[in-house]
Amino acid sequence: MVSVIVPIYNVEQYLRRALDSILSQTHKDWEAILVDDGSTDNSGRIAEEYAQSDNRFKVVHKPNGGQSDARNVGLEHISGEFLIFLDADDFLHPQLMTLCLEAMQRDSSDIVCFTYDRKYRTLALVKHFLHLDDPKPHYEFYKQPAYIVTDNIFDYATEHSNPKDIIDKRWAVKHCQVWRCMYKTYSVRDIKFPTGIIYEDFPWWSEVLLRIKRCTILNLPLYFYYPNQQSDILSTNQAHKIESLRKAIELAKNKYTSAPEAKRKAWERNFLAPFEEKLKKKEATQ
């Protein structure tokens, strides 16, 4: 029922944690597409180890092409009705699939949005600074989570950290990371990630927003984001970040040239403007 796409590149020290978090899901009808993007460490062998012990894991080995290319390859291999993304240095709350599927089926939604555990991320950053071991996650289990349902995700989606035009900020769908949602597969599987750049989430998410008819928002921390200093966004030099951001903005703008005016204006205000401001700041420090 659920496909999980996991792009993998030289993450041997984190990969078992990520894959174990899939195994620990309270919902058991899933497949995980592990895309080994030309790893030079033991990541590919670890992926094969999991596939040999559980046939719900499927491994695809490919030459290195970057995270976007790995995700695109993963999209070609999925068979689930629903889709989530997991970065290989992060991990999932055990109830993520169960809670999102319940919302999908109850509300007939195209997408279910959630958030990540900010306490874990903050504690991890502090422990990194102090050269201490990574924190152990605390899982709170949920029975009847609060939620809202909307037929206009543009009323809630934003890149602003402190959105002013969303009345109840608890329900803001902040930022465009692809791993913050469960998607109906048919809505997104033909949307390709642009390759060769970082900030690839921005144009991809911009197109997803145009496809969504109904959205459920869960104000729950169902994803554990790990601040890996070797990740693309944290390890890339400033010049490449600037060039990638320029290209991402250009690609995203092209998707809204013929969009309905209300959606285009909301997107320009809540996503384009923050990204253009981010670009100006980066260019000023170059």
C-alpha atoms as a PDB file:
ATOM      1  CA  MET A   1       0.000   0.000   0.000  1.00  0.00           C
ATOM      2  CA  VAL A   2       2.847   2.439   0.825  1.00  0.00           C
ATOM      3  CA  SER A   3       6.053   2.927  -1.142  1.00  0.00           C
ATOM      4  CA  VAL A   4       9.076   4.473   0.534  1.00  0.00           C
ATOM      5  CA  ILE A   5      11.845   5.943  -1.624  1.00  0.00           C
ATOM      6  CA  VAL A   6      15.239   6.064   0.105  1.00  0.00           C
ATOM      7  CA  PRO A   7      18.113   7.671  -1.862  1.00  0.00           C
ATOM      8  CA  ILE A   8      21.411   6.346  -0.492  1.00  0.00           C
ATOM      9  CA  TYR A   9      24.919   7.704  -0.874  1.00  0.00           C
ATOM     10  CA  ASN A  10      27.761   6.991   1.579  1.00  0.00           C
ATOM     11  CA  VAL A  11      25.607   6.884   4.707  1.00  0.00           C
ATOM     12  CA  GLU A  12      26.761   3.608   6.230  1.00  0.00           C
ATOM     13  CA  GLN A  13      26.798   5.027   9.783  1.00  0.00           C
ATOM     14  CA  TYR A  14      23.119   6.111   9.582  1.00  0.00           C
ATOM     15  CA  LEU A  15      21.502   3.697   7.144  1.00  0.00           C
ATOM     16  CA  ARG A  16      20.566   0.908   9.558  1.00  0.00           C
ATOM     17  CA  ARG A  17      18.724   3.397  11.765  1.00  0.00           C
ATOM     18  CA  ALA A  18      16.720   4.629   8.774  1.00  0.00           C
ATOM     19  CA  LEU A  19      15.837   1.144   7.553  1.00  0.00           C
ATOM     20  CA  ASP A  20      15.015  -0.082  11.049  1.00  0.00           C
ATOM     21  CA  SER A  21      12.534   2.791  11.356  1.00  0.00           C
ATOM     22  CA  ILE A  22      10.728   1.406   8.285  1.00  0.00           C
ATOM     23  CA  LEU A  23      10.713  -2.076   9.781  1.00  0.00           C
ATOM     24  CA  SER A  24       9.283  -0.634  13.004  1.00  0.00           C
ATOM     25  CA  GLN A  25       6.200   0.833  11.323  1.00  0.00           C
ATOM     26  CA  THR A  26       2.904  -0.207  12.912  1.00  0.00           C
ATOM     27  CA  HIS A  27       1.524  -0.467   9.367  1.00  0.00           C
ATOM     28  CA  LYS A  28       3.119  -3.453   7.652  1.00  0.00           C
ATOM     29  CA  ASP A  29       1.947  -3.286   4.011  1.00  0.00           C
ATOM     30  CA  TRP A  30       4.825  -1.359   2.487  1.00  0.00           C
ATOM     31  CA  GLU A  31       7.730  -1.587   0.081  1.00  0.00           C
ATOM     32  CA  ALA A  32      10.984   0.345   0.375  1.00  0.00           C
ATOM     33  CA  ILE A  33      12.905   1.233  -2.782  1.00  0.00           C
ATOM     34  CA  LEU A  34      16.539   1.641  -1.724  1.00  0.00           C
ATOM     35  CA  VAL A  35      18.383   3.529  -4.461  1.00  0.00           C
ATOM     36  CA  ASP A  36      22.128   3.108  -3.998  1.00  0.00           C
ATOM     37  CA  ASP A  37      23.490   6.142  -5.833  1.00  0.00           C
ATOM     38  CA  GLY A  38      26.990   4.816  -6.482  1.00  0.00           C
ATOM     39  CA  SER A  39      28.060   4.616  -2.834  1.00  0.00           C
ATOM     40  CA  THR A  40      31.767   3.989  -2.243  1.00  0.00           C
ATOM     41  CA  ASP A  41      31.347   2.852   1.384  1.00  0.00           C
ATOM     42  CA  ASN A  42      29.321  -0.097   2.757  1.00  0.00           C
ATOM     43  CA  SER A  43      25.925   1.497   2.150  1.00  0.00           C
ATOM     44  CA  GLY A  44      25.111  -0.686  -0.859  1.00  0.00           C
ATOM     45  CA  ARG A  45      26.013  -3.850   1.018  1.00  0.00           C
ATOM     46  CA  ILE A  46      23.868  -2.832   3.989  1.00  0.00           C
ATOM     47  CA  ALA A  47      20.927  -2.228   1.651  1.00  0.00           C
ATOM     48  CA  GLU A  48      21.382  -5.692   0.118  1.00  0.00           C
ATOM     49  CA  GLU A  49      21.553  -7.211   3.594  1.00  0.00           C
ATOM     50  CA  TYR A  50      18.125  -5.814   4.451  1.00  0.00           C
ATOM     51  CA  ALA A  51      16.685  -6.912   1.100  1.00  0.00           C
ATOM     52  CA  GLN A  52      17.912 -10.469   1.674  1.00  0.00           C
ATOM     53  CA  SER A  53      16.247 -10.656   5.096  1.00  0.00           C
ATOM     54  CA  ASP A  54      12.957  -8.960   4.086  1.00  0.00           C
ATOM     55  CA  ASN A  55      11.641  -8.915   0.513  1.00  0.00           C
ATOM     56  CA  ARG A  56       9.751  -5.692   1.119  1.00  0.00           C
ATOM     57  CA  PHE A  57      13.111  -3.976   0.634  1.00  0.00           C
ATOM     58  CA  LYS A  58      14.111  -3.630  -3.022  1.00  0.00           C
ATOM     59  CA  VAL A  59      17.578  -2.377  -3.981  1.00  0.00           C
ATOM     60  CA  VAL A  60      18.477  -0.468  -7.129  1.00  0.00           C
ATOM     61  CA  HIS A  61      22.183   0.190  -7.760  1.00  0.00           C
ATOM     62  CA  LYS A  62      23.112   3.024 -10.116  1.00  0.00           C
ATOM     63  CA  PRO A  63      26.084   5.256 -10.935  1.00  0.00           C
ATOM     64  CA  ASN A  64      26.287   8.396  -8.832  1.00  0.00           C
ATOM     65  CA  GLY A  65      23.959  11.082 -10.132  1.00  0.00           C
ATOM     66  CA  GLY A  66      22.877  12.956  -7.029  1.00  0.00           C
ATOM     67  CA  GLN A  67      19.856  12.848  -4.778  1.00  0.00           C
ATOM     68  CA  SER A  68      17.393  14.129  -7.378  1.00  0.00           C
ATOM     69  CA  ASP A  69      18.453  11.481  -9.878  1.00  0.00           C
ATOM     70  CA  ALA A  70      18.161   8.784  -7.203  1.00  0.00           C
ATOM     71  CA  ARG A  71      14.648   9.903  -6.302  1.00  0.00           C
ATOM     72  CA  ASN A  72      13.647   9.932  -9.976  1.00  0.00           C
ATOM     73  CA  VAL A  73      14.905   6.370 -10.361  1.00  0.00           C
ATOM     74  CA  GLY A  74      12.965   5.408  -7.247  1.00  0.00           C
ATOM     75  CA  LEU A  75       9.771   6.844  -8.744  1.00  0.00           C
ATOM     76  CA  GLU A  76      10.195   4.481 -11.698  1.00  0.00           C
ATOM     77  CA  HIS A  77      10.162   1.427  -9.423  1.00  0.00           C
ATOM     78  CA  ILE A  78       7.333   2.095  -6.962  1.00  0.00           C
ATOM     79  CA  SER A  79       4.069   0.148  -6.978  1.00  0.00           C
ATOM     80  CA  GLY A  80       2.314   1.474  -3.856  1.00  0.00           C
ATOM     81  CA  GLU A  81      -0.878   3.502  -3.880  1.00  0.00           C
ATOM     82  CA  PHE A  82       0.740   5.980  -1.498  1.00  0.00           C
ATOM     83  CA  LEU A  83       4.257   7.402  -1.333  1.00  0.00           C
ATOM     84  CA  ILE A  84       6.665   8.829   1.222  1.00  0.00           C
ATOM     85  CA  PHE A  85      10.316   9.874   0.972  1.00  0.00           C
ATOM     86  CA  LEU A  86      12.982   9.126   3.564  1.00  0.00           C
ATOM     87  CA  ASP A  87      16.490  10.549   3.470  1.00  0.00           C
ATOM     88  CA  ALA A  88      18.943   7.845   4.518  1.00  0.00           C
ATOM     89  CA  ASP A  89      20.413   9.816   7.431  1.00  0.00           C
ATOM     90  CA  ASP A  90      16.940  10.488   8.908  1.00  0.00           C
ATOM     91  CA  PHE A  91      14.312   8.137  10.368  1.00  0.00           C
ATOM     92  CA  LEU A  92      10.547   7.765  10.834  1.00  0.00           C
ATOM     93  CA  HIS A  93       8.161   7.768  13.779  1.00  0.00           C
ATOM     94  CA  PRO A  94       6.711   4.221  14.109  1.00  0.00           C
ATOM     95  CA  GLN A  95       3.144   5.448  13.510  1.00  0.00           C
ATOM     96  CA  LEU A  96       3.852   7.608  10.478  1.00  0.00           C
ATOM     97  CA  MET A  97       2.291   5.277   7.919  1.00  0.00           C
ATOM     98  CA  THR A  98      -0.658   4.284  10.110  1.00  0.00           C
ATOM     99  CA  LEU A  99      -1.677   7.837  10.988  1.00  0.00           C
ATOM    100  CA  CYS A 100      -1.217   9.177   7.464  1.00  0.00           C
ATOM    101  CA  LEU A 101      -3.145   6.310   5.884  1.00  0.00           C
ATOM    102  CA  GLU A 102      -6.015   6.771   8.330  1.00  0.00           C
ATOM    103  CA  ALA A 103      -6.163  10.444   7.362  1.00  0.00           C
ATOM    104  CA  MET A 104      -5.883   9.698   3.630  1.00  0.00           C
ATOM    105  CA  GLN A 105      -8.762   7.239   3.700  1.00  0.00           C
ATOM    106  CA  ARG A 106     -10.956   9.206   6.108  1.00  0.00           C
ATOM    107  CA  ASP A 107     -10.643  12.506   4.219  1.00  0.00           C
ATOM    108  CA  SER A 108     -10.084  11.308   0.628  1.00  0.00           C
ATOM    109  CA  SER A 109      -6.997  13.523   0.576  1.00  0.00           C
ATOM    110  CA  ASP A 110      -4.308  13.695  -2.081  1.00  0.00           C
ATOM    111  CA  ILE A 111      -1.658  14.534   0.491  1.00  0.00           C
ATOM    112  CA  VAL A 112      -1.173  14.368   4.260  1.00  0.00           C
ATOM    113  CA  CYS A 113       1.304  16.826   5.767  1.00  0.00           C
ATOM    114  CA  PHE A 114       3.089  16.528   9.104  1.00  0.00           C
ATOM    115  CA  THR A 115       6.148  18.037  10.730  1.00  0.00           C
ATOM    116  CA  TYR A 116       9.470  16.855  12.129  1.00  0.00           C
ATOM    117  CA  ASP A 117      10.609  16.492  15.726  1.00  0.00           C
ATOM    118  CA  ARG A 118      12.258  19.826  16.482  1.00  0.00           C
ATOM    119  CA  LYS A 119      13.330  18.763  19.977  1.00  0.00           C
ATOM    120  CA  TYR A 120      15.371  15.900  18.536  1.00  0.00           C
ATOM    121  CA  ARG A 121      16.989  18.128  15.888  1.00  0.00           C
ATOM    122  CA  THR A 122      17.919  20.777  18.455  1.00  0.00           C
ATOM    123  CA  LEU A 123      19.317  18.216  20.887  1.00  0.00           C
ATOM    124  CA  ALA A 124      21.338  16.606  18.090  1.00  0.00           C
ATOM    125  CA  LEU A 125      22.863  19.961  17.167  1.00  0.00           C
ATOM    126  CA  VAL A 126      23.804  20.629  20.802  1.00  0.00           C
ATOM    127  CA  LYS A 127      25.373  17.196  21.174  1.00  0.00           C
ATOM    128  CA  HIS A 128      27.313  17.654  17.920  1.00  0.00           C
ATOM    129  CA  PHE A 129      28.702  20.923  19.260  1.00  0.00           C
ATOM    130  CA  LEU A 130      29.753  19.223  22.507  1.00  0.00           C
ATOM    131  CA  HIS A 131      31.173  16.177  20.660  1.00  0.00           C
ATOM    132  CA  LEU A 132      28.756  13.841  22.426  1.00  0.00           C
ATOM    133  CA  ASP A 133      26.912  10.778  21.124  1.00  0.00           C
ATOM    134  CA  ASP A 134      23.722  11.273  19.143  1.00  0.00           C
ATOM    135  CA  PRO A 135      20.523  11.546  21.206  1.00  0.00           C
ATOM    136  CA  LYS A 136      18.072   8.666  21.410  1.00  0.00           C
ATOM    137  CA  PRO A 137      14.614   9.586  20.100  1.00  0.00           C
ATOM    138  CA  HIS A 138      11.569   9.682  22.333  1.00  0.00           C
ATOM    139  CA  TYR A 139       8.430   8.349  20.651  1.00  0.00           C
ATOM    140  CA  GLU A 140       5.100   9.651  21.864  1.00  0.00           C
ATOM    141  CA  PHE A 141       2.265   7.452  20.614  1.00  0.00           C
ATOM    142  CA  TYR A 142      -0.928   9.044  19.330  1.00  0.00           C
ATOM    143  CA  LYS A 143      -4.510   7.760  19.443  1.00  0.00           C
ATOM    144  CA  GLN A 144      -6.765  10.491  18.046  1.00  0.00           C
ATOM    145  CA  PRO A 145      -4.564  13.288  16.710  1.00  0.00           C
ATOM    146  CA  ALA A 146      -6.012  16.698  15.907  1.00  0.00           C
ATOM    147  CA  TYR A 147      -6.117  17.632  12.236  1.00  0.00           C
ATOM    148  CA  ILE A 148      -7.643  19.929   9.669  1.00  0.00           C
ATOM    149  CA  VAL A 149      -8.747  19.263   6.101  1.00  0.00           C
ATOM    150  CA  THR A 150      -8.600  21.852   3.335  1.00  0.00           C
ATOM    151  CA  ASP A 151      -9.436  21.984  -0.355  1.00  0.00           C
ATOM    152  CA  ASN A 152      -6.974  24.833  -0.817  1.00  0.00           C
ATOM    153  CA  ILE A 153      -3.488  23.990   0.446  1.00  0.00           C
ATOM    154  CA  PHE A 154      -2.334  27.463  -0.675  1.00  0.00           C
ATOM    155  CA  ASP A 155      -4.103  28.875   2.396  1.00  0.00           C
ATOM    156  CA  TYR A 156      -1.645  27.006   4.650  1.00  0.00           C
ATOM    157  CA  ALA A 157       1.550  26.281   2.701  1.00  0.00           C
ATOM    158  CA  THR A 158       4.457  28.664   3.202  1.00  0.00           C
ATOM    159  CA  GLU A 159       8.231  28.962   3.215  1.00  0.00           C
ATOM    160  CA  HIS A 160       8.081  31.713   5.846  1.00  0.00           C
ATOM    161  CA  SER A 161       9.277  30.564   9.269  1.00  0.00           C
ATOM    162  CA  ASN A 162       6.758  32.882  10.932  1.00  0.00           C
ATOM    163  CA  PRO A 163       3.863  33.241   8.487  1.00  0.00           C
ATOM    164  CA  LYS A 164       1.721  36.331   9.078  1.00  0.00           C
ATOM    165  CA  ASP A 165      -1.206  35.476   6.838  1.00  0.00           C
ATOM    166  CA  ILE A 166      -2.069  32.099   8.400  1.00  0.00           C
ATOM    167  CA  ILE A 167      -4.426  32.684  11.308  1.00  0.00           C
ATOM    168  CA  ASP A 168      -3.556  29.555  13.271  1.00  0.00           C
ATOM    169  CA  LYS A 169       0.156  28.916  12.750  1.00  0.00           C
ATOM    170  CA  ARG A 170      -0.097  25.406  14.236  1.00  0.00           C
ATOM    171  CA  TRP A 171      -1.437  24.240  10.873  1.00  0.00           C
ATOM    172  CA  ALA A 172       1.072  25.962   8.634  1.00  0.00           C
ATOM    173  CA  VAL A 173       2.634  23.575   6.119  1.00  0.00           C
ATOM    174  CA  LYS A 174       6.085  25.094   6.422  1.00  0.00           C
ATOM    175  CA  HIS A 175       8.886  24.690   3.897  1.00  0.00           C
ATOM    176  CA  CYS A 176       9.108  22.451   0.883  1.00  0.00           C
ATOM    177  CA  GLN A 177      11.029  19.384   2.080  1.00  0.00           C
ATOM    178  CA  VAL A 178       9.587  16.406   0.209  1.00  0.00           C
ATOM    179  CA  TRP A 179       9.785  14.142   3.295  1.00  0.00           C
ATOM    180  CA  ARG A 180       7.174  16.149   5.231  1.00  0.00           C
ATOM    181  CA  CYS A 181       4.209  14.492   3.495  1.00  0.00           C
ATOM    182  CA  MET A 182       2.547  11.290   2.343  1.00  0.00           C
ATOM    183  CA  TYR A 183       1.302  11.565  -1.239  1.00  0.00           C
ATOM    184  CA  LYS A 184      -1.152   9.698  -3.403  1.00  0.00           C
ATOM    185  CA  THR A 185       1.227   8.171  -5.901  1.00  0.00           C
ATOM    186  CA  TYR A 186      -0.784   9.007  -9.008  1.00  0.00           C
ATOM    187  CA  SER A 187      -0.650  12.708  -8.100  1.00  0.00           C
ATOM    188  CA  VAL A 188       3.136  13.012  -8.109  1.00  0.00           C
ATOM    189  CA  ARG A 189       4.900  10.059  -9.741  1.00  0.00           C
ATOM    190  CA  ASP A 190       5.356  11.838 -13.076  1.00  0.00           C
ATOM    191  CA  ILE A 191       6.844  14.983 -11.483  1.00  0.00           C
ATOM    192  CA  LYS A 192      10.606  14.746 -11.890  1.00  0.00           C
ATOM    193  CA  PHE A 193      13.185  16.284  -9.599  1.00  0.00           C
ATOM    194  CA  PRO A 194      15.592  18.621 -11.420  1.00  0.00           C
ATOM    195  CA  THR A 195      19.072  17.137 -11.421  1.00  0.00           C
ATOM    196  CA  GLY A 196      22.445  18.759 -10.889  1.00  0.00           C
ATOM    197  CA  ILE A 197      21.267  21.272  -8.287  1.00  0.00           C
ATOM    198  CA  ILE A 198      20.435  21.486  -4.591  1.00  0.00           C
ATOM    199  CA  TYR A 199      17.166  23.194  -3.526  1.00  0.00           C
ATOM    200  CA  GLU A 200      15.549  20.715  -5.914  1.00  0.00           C
ATOM    201  CA  ASP A 201      12.643  20.435  -3.457  1.00  0.00           C
ATOM    202  CA  PHE A 202      11.460  23.946  -4.349  1.00  0.00           C
ATOM    203  CA  PRO A 203      10.455  23.453  -8.014  1.00  0.00           C
ATOM    204  CA  TRP A 204       9.216  19.922  -7.300  1.00  0.00           C
ATOM    205  CA  TRP A 205       7.010  21.050  -4.419  1.00  0.00           C
ATOM    206  CA  SER A 206       5.818  24.059  -6.416  1.00  0.00           C
ATOM    207  CA  GLU A 207       4.399  21.723  -9.056  1.00  0.00           C
ATOM    208  CA  VAL A 208       2.943  19.377  -6.427  1.00  0.00           C
ATOM    209  CA  LEU A 209       0.972  22.274  -4.937  1.00  0.00           C
ATOM    210  CA  LEU A 210      -0.783  22.755  -8.285  1.00  0.00           C
ATOM    211  CA  ARG A 211      -1.854  19.096  -8.333  1.00  0.00           C
ATOM    212  CA  ILE A 212      -3.381  18.946  -4.837  1.00  0.00           C
ATOM    213  CA  LYS A 213      -7.168  19.023  -4.549  1.00  0.00           C
ATOM    214  CA  ARG A 214      -7.558  18.065  -0.889  1.00  0.00           C
ATOM    215  CA  CYS A 215      -5.002  18.122   1.925  1.00  0.00           C
ATOM    216  CA  THR A 216      -5.021  16.871   5.495  1.00  0.00           C
ATOM    217  CA  ILE A 217      -2.664  18.550   7.948  1.00  0.00           C
ATOM    218  CA  LEU A 218      -1.511  16.705  11.080  1.00  0.00           C
ATOM    219  CA  ASN A 219       0.312  18.858  13.591  1.00  0.00           C
ATOM    220  CA  LEU A 220       2.464  15.890  14.636  1.00  0.00           C
ATOM    221  CA  PRO A 221       6.270  15.344  14.653  1.00  0.00           C
ATOM    222  CA  LEU A 222       6.329  12.123  12.635  1.00  0.00           C
ATOM    223  CA  TYR A 223       9.761  12.548  11.042  1.00  0.00           C
ATOM    224  CA  PHE A 224      13.192  12.756  12.645  1.00  0.00           C
ATOM    225  CA  TYR A 225      15.514  15.026  10.706  1.00  0.00           C
ATOM    226  CA  TYR A 226      19.184  14.445  11.440  1.00  0.00           C
ATOM    227  CA  PRO A 227      21.503  17.454  10.892  1.00  0.00           C
ATOM    228  CA  ASN A 228      24.203  15.559   8.995  1.00  0.00           C
ATOM    229  CA  GLN A 229      27.053  17.948   8.220  1.00  0.00           C
ATOM    230  CA  GLN A 230      27.977  15.837   5.170  1.00  0.00           C
ATOM    231  CA  SER A 231      24.568  16.238   3.530  1.00  0.00           C
ATOM    232  CA  ASP A 232      24.310  18.076   0.207  1.00  0.00           C
ATOM    233  CA  ILE A 233      22.789  21.243   1.628  1.00  0.00           C
ATOM    234  CA  LEU A 234      25.230  21.550   4.538  1.00  0.00           C
ATOM    235  CA  SER A 235      28.428  20.568   2.736  1.00  0.00           C
ATOM    236  CA  THR A 236      28.028  22.405  -0.587  1.00  0.00           C
ATOM    237  CA  ASN A 237      30.135  25.518  -1.219  1.00  0.00           C
ATOM    238  CA  GLN A 238      28.480  28.931  -1.416  1.00  0.00           C
ATOM    239  CA  ALA A 239      28.969  29.417  -5.161  1.00  0.00           C
ATOM    240  CA  HIS A 240      27.134  26.185  -5.987  1.00  0.00           C
ATOM    241  CA  LYS A 241      24.370  27.030  -3.514  1.00  0.00           C
ATOM    242  CA  ILE A 242      23.827  30.385  -5.227  1.00  0.00           C
ATOM    243  CA  GLU A 243      23.799  28.920  -8.732  1.00  0.00           C
ATOM    244  CA  SER A 244      21.484  26.096  -7.648  1.00  0.00           C
ATOM    245  CA  LEU A 245      19.099  28.516  -5.988  1.00  0.00           C
ATOM    246  CA  ARG A 246      18.966  30.675  -9.124  1.00  0.00           C
ATOM    247  CA  LYS A 247      18.162  27.627 -11.246  1.00  0.00           C
ATOM    248  CA  ALA A 248      15.559  26.344  -8.769  1.00  0.00           C
ATOM    249  CA  ILE A 249      13.794  29.720  -8.783  1.00  0.00           C
ATOM    250  CA  GLU A 250      13.802  29.830 -12.588  1.00  0.00           C
ATOM    251  CA  LEU A 251      12.405  26.310 -12.868  1.00  0.00           C
ATOM    252  CA  ALA A 252       9.707  26.986 -10.285  1.00  0.00           C
ATOM    253  CA  LYS A 253       8.635  30.242 -11.938  1.00  0.00           C
ATOM    254  CA  ASN A 254       8.120  28.401 -15.217  1.00  0.00           C
ATOM    255  CA  LYS A 255       5.576  26.119 -13.559  1.00  0.00           C
ATOM    256  CA  TYR A 256       3.377  29.091 -12.585  1.00  0.00           C
ATOM    257  CA  THR A 257       3.266  31.030 -15.861  1.00  0.00           C
ATOM    258  CA  SER A 258      -0.202  29.633 -16.641  1.00  0.00           C
ATOM    259  CA  ALA A 259      -1.385  28.891 -13.089  1.00  0.00           C
ATOM    260  CA  PRO A 260      -4.685  30.365 -11.827  1.00  0.00           C
ATOM    261  CA  GLU A 261      -4.076  33.920 -10.596  1.00  0.00           C
ATOM    262  CA  ALA A 262      -5.063  33.293  -6.965  1.00  0.00           C
ATOM    263  CA  LYS A 263      -2.731  30.308  -6.685  1.00  0.00           C
ATOM    264  CA  ARG A 264       0.087  32.112  -8.481  1.00  0.00           C
ATOM    265  CA  LYS A 265      -0.133  35.128  -6.181  1.00  0.00           C
ATOM    266  CA  ALA A 266      -0.247  32.943  -3.067  1.00  0.00           C
ATOM    267  CA  TRP A 267       2.769  30.968  -4.287  1.00  0.00           C
ATOM    268  CA  GLU A 268       4.705  34.139  -5.154  1.00  0.00           C
ATOM    269  CA  ARG A 269       4.001  35.602  -1.718  1.00  0.00           C
ATOM    270  CA  ASN A 270       4.564  32.488   0.387  1.00  0.00           C
ATOM    271  CA  PHE A 271       7.311  30.662  -1.537  1.00  0.00           C
ATOM    272  CA  LEU A 272       8.902  32.701  -4.307  1.00  0.00           C
ATOM    273  CA  ALA A 273       9.476  35.840  -2.202  1.00  0.00           C
ATOM    274  CA  PRO A 274      11.299  33.979   0.627  1.00  0.00           C
ATOM    275  CA  PHE A 275      13.506  32.130  -1.870  1.00  0.00           C
ATOM    276  CA  GLU A 276      14.376  35.315  -3.747  1.00  0.00           C
ATOM    277  CA  GLU A 277      15.239  36.975  -0.435  1.00  0.00           C
ATOM    278  CA  LYS A 278      17.418  33.992   0.451  1.00  0.00           C
ATOM    279  CA  LEU A 279      19.212  34.352  -2.883  1.00  0.00           C
ATOM    280  CA  LYS A 280      19.873  38.065  -2.285  1.00  0.00           C
ATOM    281  CA  LYS A 281      21.392  37.335   1.114  1.00  0.00           C
ATOM    282  CA  LYS A 282      23.665  34.639  -0.296  1.00  0.00           C
ATOM    283  CA  GLU A 283      24.778  36.880  -3.166  1.00  0.00           C
ATOM    284  CA  ALA A 284      25.556  39.684  -0.693  1.00  0.00           C
ATOM    285  CA  THR A 285      27.936  37.424   1.262  1.00  0.00           C
ATOM    286  CA  GLN A 286      29.711  35.959  -1.775  1.00  0.00           C
END
